Amino acid sequence: MLKLLKESLGIDKKKRTTEYHDLDGLAGTWSSSDAAEFAQATAVFEKIDEDMWKKSVFFPVWQRKGWYEA
């Protein structure tokens, strides 16, 4: 009872021990060739398209407007 009271007052934090098993059926199901095929198919996402990046809102404004030359 004291533990519950302390947790509800925020004196002690409740330990979260919830385990999820949603994806357990998928874990460890890829073969080496499946993994290699996936890596090859997604390799294009590792390359940065510099023109697209420069037009992005995440690219610093002072670099987008040519205020800075590297």
PDB file of N, CA and C in Angstrom:
ATOM      1  N   MET A   1       0.821  -1.188   0.000  1.00  0.00           N
ATOM      2  CA  MET A   1       0.000   0.000   0.000  1.00  0.00           C
ATOM      3  C   MET A   1       0.872   1.263   0.000  1.00  0.00           C
ATOM      4  N   LEU A   2       1.935   1.258   0.764  1.00  0.00           N
ATOM      5  CA  LEU A   2       2.837   2.404   0.831  1.00  0.00           C
ATOM      6  C   LEU A   2       3.501   2.637  -0.528  1.00  0.00           C
ATOM      7  N   LYS A   3       3.882   1.558  -1.191  1.00  0.00           N
ATOM      8  CA  LYS A   3       4.507   1.662  -2.519  1.00  0.00           C
ATOM      9  C   LYS A   3       3.547   2.324  -3.508  1.00  0.00           C
ATOM     10  N   LEU A   4       2.295   1.906  -3.496  1.00  0.00           N
ATOM     11  CA  LEU A   4       1.280   2.462  -4.392  1.00  0.00           C
ATOM     12  C   LEU A   4       1.076   3.948  -4.114  1.00  0.00           C
ATOM     13  N   LEU A   5       1.056   4.324  -2.854  1.00  0.00           N
ATOM     14  CA  LEU A   5       0.892   5.720  -2.473  1.00  0.00           C
ATOM     15  C   LEU A   5       2.075   6.556  -2.951  1.00  0.00           C
ATOM     16  N   LYS A   6       3.292   6.062  -2.771  1.00  0.00           N
ATOM     17  CA  LYS A   6       4.488   6.771  -3.216  1.00  0.00           C
ATOM     18  C   LYS A   6       4.487   6.933  -4.733  1.00  0.00           C
ATOM     19  N   GLU A   7       4.079   5.896  -5.463  1.00  0.00           N
ATOM     20  CA  GLU A   7       4.023   5.968  -6.931  1.00  0.00           C
ATOM     21  C   GLU A   7       2.991   6.993  -7.384  1.00  0.00           C
ATOM     22  N   SER A   8       1.839   7.030  -6.728  1.00  0.00           N
ATOM     23  CA  SER A   8       0.781   7.955  -7.143  1.00  0.00           C
ATOM     24  C   SER A   8       1.136   9.402  -6.819  1.00  0.00           C
ATOM     25  N   LEU A   9       1.941   9.614  -5.783  1.00  0.00           N
ATOM     26  CA  LEU A   9       2.378  10.962  -5.434  1.00  0.00           C
ATOM     27  C   LEU A   9       3.624  11.390  -6.203  1.00  0.00           C
ATOM     28  N   GLY A  10       4.222  10.474  -6.941  1.00  0.00           N
ATOM     29  CA  GLY A  10       5.398  10.788  -7.733  1.00  0.00           C
ATOM     30  C   GLY A  10       6.692  10.711  -6.953  1.00  0.00           C
ATOM     31  N   ILE A  11       6.625  10.188  -5.731  1.00  0.00           N
ATOM     32  CA  ILE A  11       7.833  10.042  -4.918  1.00  0.00           C
ATOM     33  C   ILE A  11       8.698   8.918  -5.473  1.00  0.00           C
ATOM     34  N   ASP A  12       8.092   7.822  -5.786  1.00  0.00           N
ATOM     35  CA  ASP A  12       8.774   6.692  -6.423  1.00  0.00           C
ATOM     36  C   ASP A  12       8.214   6.537  -7.824  1.00  0.00           C
ATOM     37  N   LYS A  13       9.074   6.329  -8.775  1.00  0.00           N
ATOM     38  CA  LYS A  13       8.603   6.109 -10.137  1.00  0.00           C
ATOM     39  C   LYS A  13       8.287   4.632 -10.324  1.00  0.00           C
ATOM     40  N   LYS A  14       7.194   4.386 -10.987  1.00  0.00           N
ATOM     41  CA  LYS A  14       6.784   3.016 -11.269  1.00  0.00           C
ATOM     42  C   LYS A  14       7.698   2.442 -12.335  1.00  0.00           C
ATOM     43  N   LYS A  15       8.221   1.275 -12.077  1.00  0.00           N
ATOM     44  CA  LYS A  15       9.082   0.625 -13.051  1.00  0.00           C
ATOM     45  C   LYS A  15       8.218   0.039 -14.161  1.00  0.00           C
ATOM     46  N   ARG A  16       8.617   0.338 -15.363  1.00  0.00           N
ATOM     47  CA  ARG A  16       7.866  -0.170 -16.519  1.00  0.00           C
ATOM     48  C   ARG A  16       8.543  -1.438 -17.012  1.00  0.00           C
ATOM     49  N   THR A  17       7.834  -2.508 -16.901  1.00  0.00           N
ATOM     50  CA  THR A  17       8.395  -3.800 -17.294  1.00  0.00           C
ATOM     51  C   THR A  17       7.552  -4.481 -18.366  1.00  0.00           C
ATOM     52  N   THR A  18       6.788  -3.698 -19.082  1.00  0.00           N
ATOM     53  CA  THR A  18       5.940  -4.252 -20.128  1.00  0.00           C
ATOM     54  C   THR A  18       6.799  -4.776 -21.272  1.00  0.00           C
ATOM     55  N   GLU A  19       6.562  -5.985 -21.652  1.00  0.00           N
ATOM     56  CA  GLU A  19       7.251  -6.570 -22.807  1.00  0.00           C
ATOM     57  C   GLU A  19       6.248  -6.714 -23.938  1.00  0.00           C
ATOM     58  N   TYR A  20       6.674  -6.329 -25.106  1.00  0.00           N
ATOM     59  CA  TYR A  20       5.814  -6.442 -26.276  1.00  0.00           C
ATOM     60  C   TYR A  20       6.321  -7.580 -27.157  1.00  0.00           C
ATOM     61  N   HIS A  21       5.399  -8.283 -27.740  1.00  0.00           N
ATOM     62  CA  HIS A  21       5.762  -9.435 -28.574  1.00  0.00           C
ATOM     63  C   HIS A  21       5.148  -9.330 -29.965  1.00  0.00           C
ATOM     64  N   ASP A  22       4.824  -8.114 -30.369  1.00  0.00           N
ATOM     65  CA  ASP A  22       4.150  -7.893 -31.646  1.00  0.00           C
ATOM     66  C   ASP A  22       4.951  -8.410 -32.841  1.00  0.00           C
ATOM     67  N   LEU A  23       6.251  -8.232 -32.807  1.00  0.00           N
ATOM     68  CA  LEU A  23       7.086  -8.565 -33.965  1.00  0.00           C
ATOM     69  C   LEU A  23       7.932  -9.818 -33.744  1.00  0.00           C
ATOM     70  N   ASP A  24       7.646 -10.549 -32.698  1.00  0.00           N
ATOM     71  CA  ASP A  24       8.439 -11.739 -32.401  1.00  0.00           C
ATOM     72  C   ASP A  24       8.447 -12.734 -33.558  1.00  0.00           C
ATOM     73  N   GLY A  25       7.326 -12.840 -34.262  1.00  0.00           N
ATOM     74  CA  GLY A  25       7.238 -13.780 -35.373  1.00  0.00           C
ATOM     75  C   GLY A  25       8.171 -13.437 -36.526  1.00  0.00           C
ATOM     76  N   LEU A  26       8.601 -12.174 -36.616  1.00  0.00           N
ATOM     77  CA  LEU A  26       9.484 -11.752 -37.696  1.00  0.00           C
ATOM     78  C   LEU A  26      10.959 -11.821 -37.313  1.00  0.00           C
ATOM     79  N   ALA A  27      11.238 -11.802 -36.039  1.00  0.00           N
ATOM     80  CA  ALA A  27      12.623 -11.762 -35.572  1.00  0.00           C
ATOM     81  C   ALA A  27      13.373 -13.021 -35.997  1.00  0.00           C
ATOM     82  N   GLY A  28      14.493 -12.797 -36.654  1.00  0.00           N
ATOM     83  CA  GLY A  28      15.343 -13.908 -37.048  1.00  0.00           C
ATOM     84  C   GLY A  28      14.837 -14.717 -38.227  1.00  0.00           C
ATOM     85  N   THR A  29      13.900 -14.170 -38.988  1.00  0.00           N
ATOM     86  CA  THR A  29      13.336 -14.956 -40.092  1.00  0.00           C
ATOM     87  C   THR A  29      14.025 -14.697 -41.430  1.00  0.00           C
ATOM     88  N   TRP A  30      14.886 -13.693 -41.513  1.00  0.00           N
ATOM     89  CA  TRP A  30      15.572 -13.406 -42.772  1.00  0.00           C
ATOM     90  C   TRP A  30      16.795 -14.290 -42.917  1.00  0.00           C
ATOM     91  N   SER A  31      16.962 -14.790 -44.112  1.00  0.00           N
ATOM     92  CA  SER A  31      18.186 -15.541 -44.421  1.00  0.00           C
ATOM     93  C   SER A  31      19.268 -14.535 -44.798  1.00  0.00           C
ATOM     94  N   SER A  32      20.474 -15.011 -44.959  1.00  0.00           N
ATOM     95  CA  SER A  32      21.576 -14.132 -45.376  1.00  0.00           C
ATOM     96  C   SER A  32      21.290 -13.518 -46.737  1.00  0.00           C
ATOM     97  N   SER A  33      20.707 -14.306 -47.629  1.00  0.00           N
ATOM     98  CA  SER A  33      20.408 -13.773 -48.963  1.00  0.00           C
ATOM     99  C   SER A  33      19.271 -12.751 -48.902  1.00  0.00           C
ATOM    100  N   ASP A  34      18.292 -12.947 -48.006  1.00  0.00           N
ATOM    101  CA  ASP A  34      17.225 -11.954 -47.822  1.00  0.00           C
ATOM    102  C   ASP A  34      17.814 -10.627 -47.347  1.00  0.00           C
ATOM    103  N   ALA A  35      18.720 -10.699 -46.387  1.00  0.00           N
ATOM    104  CA  ALA A  35      19.346  -9.494 -45.850  1.00  0.00           C
ATOM    105  C   ALA A  35      20.181  -8.793 -46.914  1.00  0.00           C
ATOM    106  N   ALA A  36      20.910  -9.566 -47.708  1.00  0.00           N
ATOM    107  CA  ALA A  36      21.730  -8.981 -48.777  1.00  0.00           C
ATOM    108  C   ALA A  36      20.847  -8.328 -49.838  1.00  0.00           C
ATOM    109  N   GLU A  37      19.751  -8.972 -50.176  1.00  0.00           N
ATOM    110  CA  GLU A  37      18.819  -8.418 -51.162  1.00  0.00           C
ATOM    111  C   GLU A  37      18.207  -7.115 -50.654  1.00  0.00           C
ATOM    112  N   PHE A  38      17.843  -7.081 -49.382  1.00  0.00           N
ATOM    113  CA  PHE A  38      17.283  -5.873 -48.790  1.00  0.00           C
ATOM    114  C   PHE A  38      18.315  -4.749 -48.787  1.00  0.00           C
ATOM    115  N   ALA A  39      19.541  -5.065 -48.396  1.00  0.00           N
ATOM    116  CA  ALA A  39      20.610  -4.066 -48.362  1.00  0.00           C
ATOM    117  C   ALA A  39      20.857  -3.491 -49.747  1.00  0.00           C
ATOM    118  N   GLN A  40      20.839  -4.348 -50.755  1.00  0.00           N
ATOM    119  CA  GLN A  40      21.060  -3.887 -52.129  1.00  0.00           C
ATOM    120  C   GLN A  40      19.882  -3.016 -52.594  1.00  0.00           C
ATOM    121  N   ALA A  41      18.675  -3.419 -52.263  1.00  0.00           N
ATOM    122  CA  ALA A  41      17.487  -2.680 -52.708  1.00  0.00           C
ATOM    123  C   ALA A  41      17.366  -1.322 -52.025  1.00  0.00           C
ATOM    124  N   THR A  42      17.902  -1.190 -50.830  1.00  0.00           N
ATOM    125  CA  THR A  42      17.777   0.075 -50.093  1.00  0.00           C
ATOM    126  C   THR A  42      19.056   0.908 -50.103  1.00  0.00           C
ATOM    127  N   ALA A  43      20.077   0.463 -50.784  1.00  0.00           N
ATOM    128  CA  ALA A  43      21.356   1.186 -50.836  1.00  0.00           C
ATOM    129  C   ALA A  43      21.190   2.584 -51.420  1.00  0.00           C
ATOM    130  N   VAL A  44      20.261   2.754 -52.330  1.00  0.00           N
ATOM    131  CA  VAL A  44      20.032   4.057 -52.957  1.00  0.00           C
ATOM    132  C   VAL A  44      19.641   5.110 -51.915  1.00  0.00           C
ATOM    133  N   PHE A  45      19.048   4.685 -50.811  1.00  0.00           N
ATOM    134  CA  PHE A  45      18.626   5.628 -49.774  1.00  0.00           C
ATOM    135  C   PHE A  45      19.801   6.139 -48.949  1.00  0.00           C
ATOM    136  N   GLU A  46      20.953   5.536 -49.093  1.00  0.00           N
ATOM    137  CA  GLU A  46      22.137   5.974 -48.376  1.00  0.00           C
ATOM    138  C   GLU A  46      22.822   7.147 -49.072  1.00  0.00           C
ATOM    139  N   LYS A  47      22.507   7.363 -50.349  1.00  0.00           N
ATOM    140  CA  LYS A  47      23.122   8.433 -51.127  1.00  0.00           C
ATOM    141  C   LYS A  47      22.330   9.725 -50.926  1.00  0.00           C
ATOM    142  N   ILE A  48      23.039  10.797 -50.654  1.00  0.00           N
ATOM    143  CA  ILE A  48      22.398  12.093 -50.448  1.00  0.00           C
ATOM    144  C   ILE A  48      22.305  12.834 -51.773  1.00  0.00           C
ATOM    145  N   ASP A  49      21.110  13.256 -52.126  1.00  0.00           N
ATOM    146  CA  ASP A  49      20.885  14.058 -53.330  1.00  0.00           C
ATOM    147  C   ASP A  49      21.148  15.511 -52.943  1.00  0.00           C
ATOM    148  N   GLU A  50      22.326  16.018 -53.281  1.00  0.00           N
ATOM    149  CA  GLU A  50      22.732  17.348 -52.836  1.00  0.00           C
ATOM    150  C   GLU A  50      21.823  18.451 -53.369  1.00  0.00           C
ATOM    151  N   ASP A  51      21.342  18.333 -54.602  1.00  0.00           N
ATOM    152  CA  ASP A  51      20.448  19.360 -55.141  1.00  0.00           C
ATOM    153  C   ASP A  51      19.141  19.408 -54.353  1.00  0.00           C
ATOM    154  N   MET A  52      18.605  18.233 -54.021  1.00  0.00           N
ATOM    155  CA  MET A  52      17.368  18.184 -53.256  1.00  0.00           C
ATOM    156  C   MET A  52      17.598  18.734 -51.846  1.00  0.00           C
ATOM    157  N   TRP A  53      18.728  18.400 -51.263  1.00  0.00           N
ATOM    158  CA  TRP A  53      19.051  18.867 -49.920  1.00  0.00           C
ATOM    159  C   TRP A  53      19.168  20.396 -49.890  1.00  0.00           C
ATOM    160  N   LYS A  54      19.780  20.971 -50.918  1.00  0.00           N
ATOM    161  CA  LYS A  54      19.975  22.419 -50.955  1.00  0.00           C
ATOM    162  C   LYS A  54      18.650  23.172 -51.092  1.00  0.00           C
ATOM    163  N   LYS A  55      17.627  22.521 -51.608  1.00  0.00           N
ATOM    164  CA  LYS A  55      16.310  23.146 -51.744  1.00  0.00           C
ATOM    165  C   LYS A  55      15.446  22.904 -50.508  1.00  0.00           C
ATOM    166  N   SER A  56      15.945  22.099 -49.597  1.00  0.00           N
ATOM    167  CA  SER A  56      15.194  21.709 -48.413  1.00  0.00           C
ATOM    168  C   SER A  56      15.121  22.844 -47.404  1.00  0.00           C
ATOM    169  N   VAL A  57      14.051  22.869 -46.627  1.00  0.00           N
ATOM    170  CA  VAL A  57      13.926  23.853 -45.558  1.00  0.00           C
ATOM    171  C   VAL A  57      14.933  23.574 -44.443  1.00  0.00           C
ATOM    172  N   PHE A  58      15.520  22.395 -44.429  1.00  0.00           N
ATOM    173  CA  PHE A  58      16.488  22.043 -43.403  1.00  0.00           C
ATOM    174  C   PHE A  58      17.897  22.531 -43.739  1.00  0.00           C
ATOM    175  N   PHE A  59      18.107  22.921 -44.980  1.00  0.00           N
ATOM    176  CA  PHE A  59      19.407  23.443 -45.389  1.00  0.00           C
ATOM    177  C   PHE A  59      19.479  24.892 -44.923  1.00  0.00           C
ATOM    178  N   PRO A  60      20.554  25.288 -44.261  1.00  0.00           N
ATOM    179  CA  PRO A  60      20.633  26.653 -43.715  1.00  0.00           C
ATOM    180  C   PRO A  60      20.380  27.723 -44.773  1.00  0.00           C
ATOM    181  N   VAL A  61      19.577  28.713 -44.417  1.00  0.00           N
ATOM    182  CA  VAL A  61      19.195  29.784 -45.341  1.00  0.00           C
ATOM    183  C   VAL A  61      20.422  30.484 -45.904  1.00  0.00           C
ATOM    184  N   TRP A  62      21.408  30.773 -45.066  1.00  0.00           N
ATOM    185  CA  TRP A  62      22.580  31.504 -45.534  1.00  0.00           C
ATOM    186  C   TRP A  62      23.376  30.710 -46.553  1.00  0.00           C
ATOM    187  N   GLN A  63      23.239  29.388 -46.560  1.00  0.00           N
ATOM    188  CA  GLN A  63      23.907  28.591 -47.588  1.00  0.00           C
ATOM    189  C   GLN A  63      23.031  28.474 -48.832  1.00  0.00           C
ATOM    190  N   ARG A  64      21.704  28.446 -48.643  1.00  0.00           N
ATOM    191  CA  ARG A  64      20.793  28.350 -49.784  1.00  0.00           C
ATOM    192  C   ARG A  64      20.902  29.575 -50.680  1.00  0.00           C
ATOM    193  N   LYS A  65      21.090  30.730 -50.107  1.00  0.00           N
ATOM    194  CA  LYS A  65      21.103  31.971 -50.876  1.00  0.00           C
ATOM    195  C   LYS A  65      22.491  32.329 -51.374  1.00  0.00           C
ATOM    196  N   GLY A  66      23.455  31.438 -51.177  1.00  0.00           N
ATOM    197  CA  GLY A  66      24.791  31.675 -51.682  1.00  0.00           C
ATOM    198  C   GLY A  66      25.587  32.665 -50.864  1.00  0.00           C
ATOM    199  N   TRP A  67      25.222  32.869 -49.599  1.00  0.00           N
ATOM    200  CA  TRP A  67      25.945  33.798 -48.752  1.00  0.00           C
ATOM    201  C   TRP A  67      27.276  33.214 -48.301  1.00  0.00           C
ATOM    202  N   TYR A  68      27.402  31.930 -48.479  1.00  0.00           N
ATOM    203  CA  TYR A  68      28.589  31.257 -47.982  1.00  0.00           C
ATOM    204  C   TYR A  68      29.132  30.337 -49.059  1.00  0.00           C
ATOM    205  N   GLU A  69      30.379  30.394 -49.308  1.00  0.00           N
ATOM    206  CA  GLU A  69      31.010  29.483 -50.254  1.00  0.00           C
ATOM    207  C   GLU A  69      31.978  28.603 -49.476  1.00  0.00           C
ATOM    208  N   ALA A  70      31.779  27.311 -49.545  1.00  0.00           N
ATOM    209  CA  ALA A  70      32.645  26.373 -48.796  1.00  0.00           C
ATOM    210  C   ALA A  70      33.971  26.193 -49.485  1.00  0.00           C
TER     211      ALA A  70
END
